């Protein structure tokens, strides 16, 4: 890398926020927990790419963004609403039975084994979302208003991962 100082006053990094609509999205790799530095809050970041625009502008097609589930509040308490969303995502992507078999009883959604299973099994799965844009810290942010079971079951990421998924620990 060469150090430079020939920039203008701003640098557009090319990230756009999808406009409101209804879309079928494909879950991508790099699912991870995000821990808040100034509190006990923990969110799960689920990267997604818009595969099919059902309503909203065609320019949303192919856009990538992330959905965030605030699993633990800034006070360190579980957020049931976010945990319900995660359980619905497993249901809507057809993974509930596998996860129930692998993790019987109550689970901690931040357990390392559970997170590893999410990272292995969710990429490539499709789910329908109703989404809009909200302001967060002065910036536009993608916001899921509703998760909906989609008809499409798998795509390129899922097909490529099938062989690696045969033993998910």
Protein backbone atom coordinates (compact mmCIF):
# COMPACT_ATOMS: atom_id res chain seq x y z
CA UNK A 1 0.00 0.00 0.00
CA UNK A 2 1.29 3.42 -0.91
CA UNK A 3 0.48 6.31 1.41
CA UNK A 4 -1.39 9.07 -0.37
CA UNK A 5 -2.73 12.50 0.41
CA UNK A 6 -4.39 13.33 -2.91
CA UNK A 7 -7.99 12.75 -1.78
CA UNK A 8 -10.92 15.10 -2.15
CA UNK A 9 -12.95 16.07 0.93
CA UNK A 10 -14.93 12.82 0.88
CA UNK A 11 -14.61 9.23 -0.27
CA UNK A 12 -17.67 7.33 -1.50
CA UNK A 13 -17.18 3.71 -0.43
CA UNK A 14 -19.99 2.49 -2.67
CA UNK A 15 -22.42 1.22 -0.04
CA UNK A 16 -26.04 1.97 -0.78
CA UNK A 17 -29.08 1.22 1.32
CA UNK A 18 -31.92 -0.64 -0.41
CA UNK A 19 -35.12 1.36 -0.68
CA UNK A 20 -38.29 0.08 1.06
CA UNK A 21 -39.92 -2.97 -0.46
CA UNK A 22 -40.48 -6.70 -0.25
CA UNK A 23 -37.65 -8.93 -1.41
CA UNK A 24 -36.41 -12.48 -1.35
CA UNK A 25 -32.95 -12.32 0.15
CA UNK A 26 -30.16 -14.86 0.33
CA UNK A 27 -28.28 -15.14 3.60
CA UNK A 28 -24.54 -14.75 3.10
CA UNK A 29 -21.44 -15.92 4.95
CA UNK A 30 -19.81 -13.87 7.73
CA UNK A 31 -22.64 -14.12 10.27
CA UNK A 32 -21.19 -12.81 13.51
CA UNK A 33 -21.90 -11.42 16.91
CA UNK A 34 -21.30 -7.74 17.46
CA UNK A 35 -20.52 -6.71 21.03
CA UNK A 36 -21.15 -3.13 22.09
CA UNK A 37 -18.06 -1.50 23.58
CA UNK A 38 -19.96 0.85 25.88
CA UNK A 39 -22.59 -1.60 27.18
CA UNK A 40 -23.43 -5.27 27.62
CA UNK A 41 -25.43 -5.34 24.37
CA UNK A 42 -24.83 -8.07 21.80
CA UNK A 43 -26.30 -8.20 18.30
CA UNK A 44 -26.17 -10.89 15.65
CA UNK A 45 -25.22 -9.55 12.22
CA UNK A 46 -26.74 -11.51 9.34
CA UNK A 47 -25.41 -10.40 5.94
CA UNK A 48 -27.90 -10.71 3.10
CA UNK A 49 -28.12 -10.02 -0.63
CA UNK A 50 -31.35 -9.14 -2.38
CA UNK A 51 -31.98 -11.97 -4.83
CA UNK A 52 -35.46 -11.04 -6.09
CA UNK A 53 -37.33 -7.73 -5.81
CA UNK A 54 -41.04 -8.42 -5.29
CA UNK A 55 -41.99 -4.80 -4.63
CA UNK A 56 -39.88 -1.67 -4.54
CA UNK A 57 -37.40 -0.27 -7.02
CA UNK A 58 -35.54 -2.63 -9.37
CA UNK A 59 -32.32 -0.91 -8.24
CA UNK A 60 -32.57 -2.96 -5.01
CA UNK A 61 -31.73 -6.10 -7.03
CA UNK A 62 -28.34 -7.51 -6.01
CA UNK A 63 -27.77 -5.05 -3.18
CA UNK A 64 -26.04 -6.39 -0.09
CA UNK A 65 -26.71 -5.26 3.44
CA UNK A 66 -27.08 -6.73 6.91
CA UNK A 67 -29.90 -7.46 9.29
CA UNK A 68 -29.09 -6.99 12.96
CA UNK A 69 -30.81 -8.88 15.77
CA UNK A 70 -30.19 -7.29 19.19
CA UNK A 71 -30.11 -10.54 21.17
CA UNK A 72 -28.87 -8.98 24.43
CA UNK A 73 -29.92 -5.48 25.55
CA UNK A 74 -27.41 -2.85 26.59
CA UNK A 75 -28.36 -3.74 30.18
CA UNK A 76 -27.31 -7.36 29.59
CA UNK A 77 -30.81 -8.86 29.43
CA UNK A 78 -32.02 -11.25 26.70
CA UNK A 79 -34.25 -9.59 24.08
CA UNK A 80 -37.06 -12.08 23.50
CA UNK A 81 -38.32 -10.31 20.37
CA UNK A 82 -34.90 -10.67 18.68
CA UNK A 83 -34.61 -14.29 19.79
CA UNK A 84 -38.06 -14.94 18.29
CA UNK A 85 -36.80 -13.48 15.01
CA UNK A 86 -33.81 -15.82 15.04
CA UNK A 87 -36.06 -18.81 15.73
CA UNK A 88 -38.36 -17.73 12.87
CA UNK A 89 -35.38 -17.47 10.51
CA UNK A 90 -34.48 -21.08 11.37
CA UNK A 91 -38.11 -22.11 10.82
CA UNK A 92 -38.51 -20.22 7.54
CA UNK A 93 -35.29 -21.66 6.13
CA UNK A 94 -36.23 -25.23 7.08
CA UNK A 95 -33.55 -25.64 9.75
CA UNK A 96 -35.62 -25.91 12.93
CA UNK A 97 -35.68 -29.73 13.07
CA UNK A 98 -31.92 -30.02 12.51
CA UNK A 99 -31.22 -27.44 15.21
CA UNK A 100 -33.69 -29.04 17.65
CA UNK A 101 -31.97 -32.40 17.15
CA UNK A 102 -28.51 -30.87 17.57
CA UNK A 103 -29.42 -28.57 20.48
CA UNK A 104 -32.19 -30.17 22.57
CA UNK A 105 -33.69 -28.13 25.42
CA UNK A 106 -33.00 -24.48 26.09
CA UNK A 107 -30.14 -22.87 24.22
CA UNK A 108 -28.08 -19.75 24.62
CA UNK A 109 -28.18 -18.03 21.22
CA UNK A 110 -24.63 -16.81 21.84
CA UNK A 111 -23.22 -20.24 22.68
CA UNK A 112 -20.12 -20.83 20.55
CA UNK A 113 -21.42 -24.17 19.20
CA UNK A 114 -24.80 -22.66 18.31
CA UNK A 115 -23.17 -19.67 16.57
CA UNK A 116 -20.86 -22.02 14.65
CA UNK A 117 -23.90 -24.02 13.49
CA UNK A 118 -25.66 -20.81 12.36
CA UNK A 119 -22.55 -19.78 10.41
CA UNK A 120 -22.42 -23.17 8.75
CA UNK A 121 -26.10 -23.78 7.98
CA UNK A 122 -27.68 -20.37 7.22
CA UNK A 123 -25.50 -19.09 4.33
CA UNK A 124 -27.20 -19.80 1.02
CA UNK A 125 -30.69 -20.01 2.50
CA UNK A 126 -33.48 -17.76 1.23
CA UNK A 127 -36.08 -15.83 3.19
CA UNK A 128 -38.56 -13.16 2.18
CA UNK A 129 -38.40 -9.81 3.98
CA UNK A 130 -40.49 -6.68 4.07
CA UNK A 131 -37.96 -3.91 4.61
CA UNK A 132 -37.68 -0.19 4.96
CA UNK A 133 -35.05 2.40 5.76
CA UNK A 134 -34.56 3.97 9.16
CA UNK A 135 -32.22 6.63 10.44
CA UNK A 136 -29.58 5.41 12.88
CA UNK A 137 -26.86 7.75 14.08
CA UNK A 138 -27.67 10.13 11.24
CA UNK A 139 -27.22 7.43 8.58
CA UNK A 140 -29.73 5.48 6.51
CA UNK A 141 -29.95 1.87 7.62
CA UNK A 142 -31.66 -1.21 6.17
CA UNK A 143 -34.41 -2.38 8.53
CA UNK A 144 -36.38 -5.64 8.38
CA UNK A 145 -40.04 -5.00 9.23
CA UNK A 146 -41.22 -8.57 8.64
CA UNK A 147 -39.58 -11.96 8.04
CA UNK A 148 -41.64 -14.22 5.73
CA UNK A 149 -41.14 -17.83 4.70
CA UNK A 150 -39.99 -17.95 1.05
CA UNK A 151 -40.58 -20.68 -1.51
CA UNK A 152 -36.99 -20.75 -2.76
CA UNK A 153 -34.83 -23.14 -0.73
CA UNK A 154 -31.22 -22.81 -1.85
CA UNK A 155 -28.88 -21.06 -4.21
CA UNK A 156 -25.24 -20.91 -5.27
CA UNK A 157 -23.80 -20.43 -1.77
CA UNK A 158 -25.90 -23.29 -0.35
CA UNK A 159 -25.10 -25.66 -3.21
CA UNK A 160 -21.38 -24.99 -2.89
CA UNK A 161 -21.52 -25.65 0.85
CA UNK A 162 -23.52 -28.91 0.78
CA UNK A 163 -20.46 -31.18 0.72
CA UNK A 164 -18.80 -29.27 3.57
CA UNK A 165 -22.00 -29.36 5.63
CA UNK A 166 -22.28 -33.15 5.80
CA UNK A 167 -20.70 -33.12 9.29
CA UNK A 168 -21.43 -29.92 11.18
CA UNK A 169 -19.88 -30.93 14.46
